[in-house]
Structure formats: C-alpha cells, structure tokens
Amino acid sequence: MGRAQESFNKKEVRNKKEKKRKDKEKKRLARKDNDKKGGLDDMIAYVDENGMLTDTPPDPAKKRKEYKAEDMQISIPKHEAVEMEIVRTGIVTFFNDAKGFGFIKDSETKESVFVHINNVADEIRENNLVQFEIEMGQKGPTAVKVKLKK
C-alpha cells in the first residue's frame, strides 16, 4: 500500500509518532548537555546551625557555639518519681459484691482506681466516700487499705 492510498487517520498517527520521536530526542540531548554542567559540587549538601540542609557551605569566619558533651541529652530523660499523697480520698463509682471488685474515683486526680474486696477493711457500696492508698498492681494502680471516711 503506497502513501497515496493511506487514510487521513493513518497519516495523523504517523505524524504524531514522528513528532513524539523528535521530542524524545530533544529531551535526551538537553539532559546530556545538562549532565556536563553538573558535578560533585552540585550534589553536596551542608547542614546549617539549625540543622537544616542548605547548598551553601558554612562561613568559617562565623563564630561557632561551644557545647559541653555532659550537657547533651542523647536519650530520653529518666522519669522522676513524683511524691504523691499517701492517704487519698475518693467516691466509690462502682462495686460488685458478687464478683468482689469495683472502682473508686480519686477526688484529687479524678482518675478511676481499681479496688478488690481483699483490700477493703469496711463494707463499701456505690457512692460511699472512702479513704485509700494507691499501690501498683499487675495491670495498673490499685486501691489498698480502703476504709469508709467518717
């Protein structure tokens, strides 16, 4: 089939392919020219005094800050134990006599503290005002030495 017998659509497709090939060749040549300019200096990055990456080298005339190695904290600081009040007061929000456990809402911190029947000195019910001490149990803070507040 000669070119004279080609349809308009086939000519358009051929022209588009030719244009695409020429554009690709131009891009390849442009990349090749740009690669000659770029070198190791274009790839280097510097860190400034704020820890940000920059492309400008640091100024050696600029005064540097001196730091002591002892003052730097590399890890997370250890948690300091906060001295808490030994005897606390709270209100019993829930107590199940059949299962033998409940929860006391601490009046100071408004946190819910678990209480077990073995740690109760007096008989308690819901909405009673009680005194207690907090100890760490297997699953978190637990109220011990629970007494009714008079």
Protein backbone atom coordinates (compact mmCIF):
# COMPACT_ATOMS: atom_id res chain seq x y z
CA MET A 1 0.00 0.00 0.00
CA GLY A 2 1.51 3.30 -1.07
CA ARG A 3 1.30 6.54 0.77
CA ALA A 4 -1.23 7.88 -1.68
CA GLN A 5 -3.70 5.23 -0.55
CA GLU A 6 -3.27 5.93 3.19
CA SER A 7 -6.27 7.28 5.04
CA PHE A 8 -6.25 10.60 6.88
CA ASN A 9 -6.25 8.81 10.27
CA LYS A 10 -3.18 6.74 9.36
CA LYS A 11 -1.32 9.90 8.29
CA GLU A 12 -2.20 11.56 11.62
CA VAL A 13 -0.94 8.58 13.61
CA ARG A 14 2.32 8.50 11.63
CA ASN A 15 2.83 12.26 12.10
CA LYS A 16 2.21 12.00 15.87
CA LYS A 17 4.71 9.15 16.20
CA GLU A 18 7.32 11.16 14.29
CA LYS A 19 6.72 14.24 16.44
CA LYS A 20 6.95 12.17 19.63
CA ARG A 21 10.24 10.63 18.46
CA LYS A 22 11.72 14.08 17.73
CA ASP A 23 10.60 15.46 21.13
CA LYS A 24 12.18 12.49 22.88
CA GLU A 25 15.43 13.07 21.01
CA LYS A 26 15.42 16.78 22.01
CA LYS A 27 14.89 15.88 25.69
CA ARG A 28 17.70 13.33 25.54
CA LEU A 29 20.11 15.89 24.09
CA ALA A 30 19.05 18.52 26.66
CA ARG A 31 19.68 16.05 29.52
CA LYS A 32 23.07 15.20 28.05
CA ASP A 33 24.04 18.90 27.92
CA ASN A 34 22.90 19.48 31.50
CA ASP A 35 24.86 16.50 32.80
CA LYS A 36 28.09 18.09 31.61
CA LYS A 37 27.45 21.15 33.82
CA GLY A 38 26.58 19.17 36.95
CA GLY A 39 29.28 17.61 39.02
CA LEU A 40 30.15 16.68 42.56
CA ASP A 41 29.73 20.26 43.76
CA ASP A 42 26.07 20.23 42.75
CA MET A 43 25.46 17.09 44.77
CA ILE A 44 26.94 18.29 48.07
CA ALA A 45 24.58 19.49 50.82
CA TYR A 46 25.56 21.25 54.05
CA VAL A 47 23.85 21.37 57.43
CA ASP A 48 23.46 24.82 58.98
CA GLU A 49 23.41 25.71 62.71
CA ASN A 50 19.66 25.00 62.88
CA GLY A 51 20.01 21.51 61.42
CA MET A 52 18.54 22.44 58.04
CA LEU A 53 20.08 21.29 54.73
CA THR A 54 21.49 24.06 52.52
CA ASP A 55 23.57 24.22 49.36
CA THR A 56 25.90 26.97 50.67
CA PRO A 57 29.00 25.96 52.62
CA PRO A 58 29.34 27.25 56.20
CA ASP A 59 31.23 30.51 56.76
CA PRO A 60 34.48 29.71 58.61
CA ALA A 61 34.74 33.31 59.91
CA LYS A 62 31.42 32.95 61.72
CA LYS A 63 31.73 32.33 65.47
CA ARG A 64 30.70 28.84 66.47
CA LYS A 65 28.90 27.99 69.68
CA GLU A 66 30.73 25.67 72.03
CA TYR A 67 28.79 22.89 73.74
CA LYS A 68 29.84 20.61 76.57
CA ALA A 69 29.34 16.92 75.96
CA GLU A 70 27.99 16.49 79.51
CA ASP A 71 25.13 18.92 78.82
CA MET A 72 23.83 16.96 75.80
CA GLN A 73 20.99 14.54 76.37
CA ILE A 74 21.09 11.73 73.87
CA SER A 75 18.34 9.55 75.29
CA ILE A 76 15.01 10.25 76.91
CA PRO A 77 15.46 11.60 80.44
CA LYS A 78 14.54 9.16 83.16
CA HIS A 79 11.09 9.59 84.65
CA GLU A 80 11.36 11.07 88.09
CA ALA A 81 9.01 9.63 90.67
CA VAL A 82 6.50 12.23 91.79
CA GLU A 83 5.84 12.22 95.51
CA MET A 84 2.13 11.57 95.96
CA GLU A 85 -0.06 11.93 98.97
CA ILE A 86 -0.11 8.59 100.81
CA VAL A 87 -3.73 8.57 102.00
CA ARG A 88 -6.24 9.65 99.38
CA THR A 89 -9.99 10.15 99.39
CA GLY A 90 -12.49 9.26 96.71
CA ILE A 91 -16.00 8.11 95.90
CA VAL A 92 -16.91 4.52 95.02
CA THR A 93 -18.31 4.73 91.47
CA PHE A 94 -18.93 1.01 91.01
CA PHE A 95 -18.71 -2.02 93.28
CA ASN A 96 -19.92 -5.57 92.58
CA ASP A 97 -20.28 -7.61 95.80
CA ALA A 98 -20.83 -10.86 93.90
CA LYS A 99 -17.55 -10.58 91.94
CA GLY A 100 -15.63 -8.72 94.64
CA PHE A 101 -14.23 -5.74 92.75
CA GLY A 102 -15.04 -2.14 91.89
CA PHE A 103 -13.67 1.28 91.08
CA ILE A 104 -13.02 4.39 93.15
CA LYS A 105 -12.86 7.85 91.56
CA ASP A 106 -10.00 9.76 93.19
CA SER A 107 -11.27 13.17 94.36
CA GLU A 108 -7.92 14.87 93.68
CA THR A 109 -6.86 13.49 90.28
CA LYS A 110 -10.35 12.40 89.06
CA GLU A 111 -8.84 9.09 87.91
CA SER A 112 -10.59 5.77 88.33
CA VAL A 113 -8.69 3.31 90.57
CA PHE A 114 -9.37 -0.42 90.73
CA VAL A 115 -10.28 -1.91 94.14
CA HIS A 116 -10.58 -5.58 95.14
CA ILE A 117 -12.63 -6.97 98.05
CA ASN A 118 -9.42 -8.33 99.67
CA ASN A 119 -8.11 -4.76 100.08
CA VAL A 120 -11.27 -3.42 101.76
CA ALA A 121 -11.41 -3.04 105.56
CA ASP A 122 -15.07 -1.89 105.83
CA GLU A 123 -18.11 -2.85 103.81
CA ILE A 124 -18.44 -0.38 100.93
CA ARG A 125 -21.21 0.43 98.46
CA GLU A 126 -21.55 2.72 95.46
CA ASN A 127 -21.37 6.49 96.18
CA ASN A 128 -19.60 5.93 99.55
CA LEU A 129 -16.81 8.36 100.49
CA VAL A 130 -13.68 6.33 101.27
CA GLN A 131 -10.01 6.72 102.22
CA PHE A 132 -7.43 4.56 100.48
CA GLU A 133 -3.80 4.20 99.46
CA ILE A 134 -2.56 3.50 95.93
CA GLU A 135 -0.15 0.71 95.02
CA MET A 136 0.83 -0.54 91.60
CA GLY A 137 -0.88 -3.82 90.80
CA GLN A 138 -0.37 -6.20 87.88
CA LYS A 139 -2.44 -4.09 85.49
CA GLY A 140 -2.00 -0.60 86.95
CA PRO A 141 -2.83 1.39 90.08
CA THR A 142 -4.85 -0.45 92.72
CA ALA A 143 -6.52 0.90 95.85
CA VAL A 144 -5.44 -0.79 99.09
CA LYS A 145 -6.37 -0.27 102.77
CA VAL A 146 -9.79 1.06 101.76
CA LYS A 147 -11.90 2.38 104.68
CA LEU A 148 -15.10 4.38 104.91
CA LYS A 149 -14.38 8.04 105.63
CA LYS A 150 -16.27 9.30 108.64
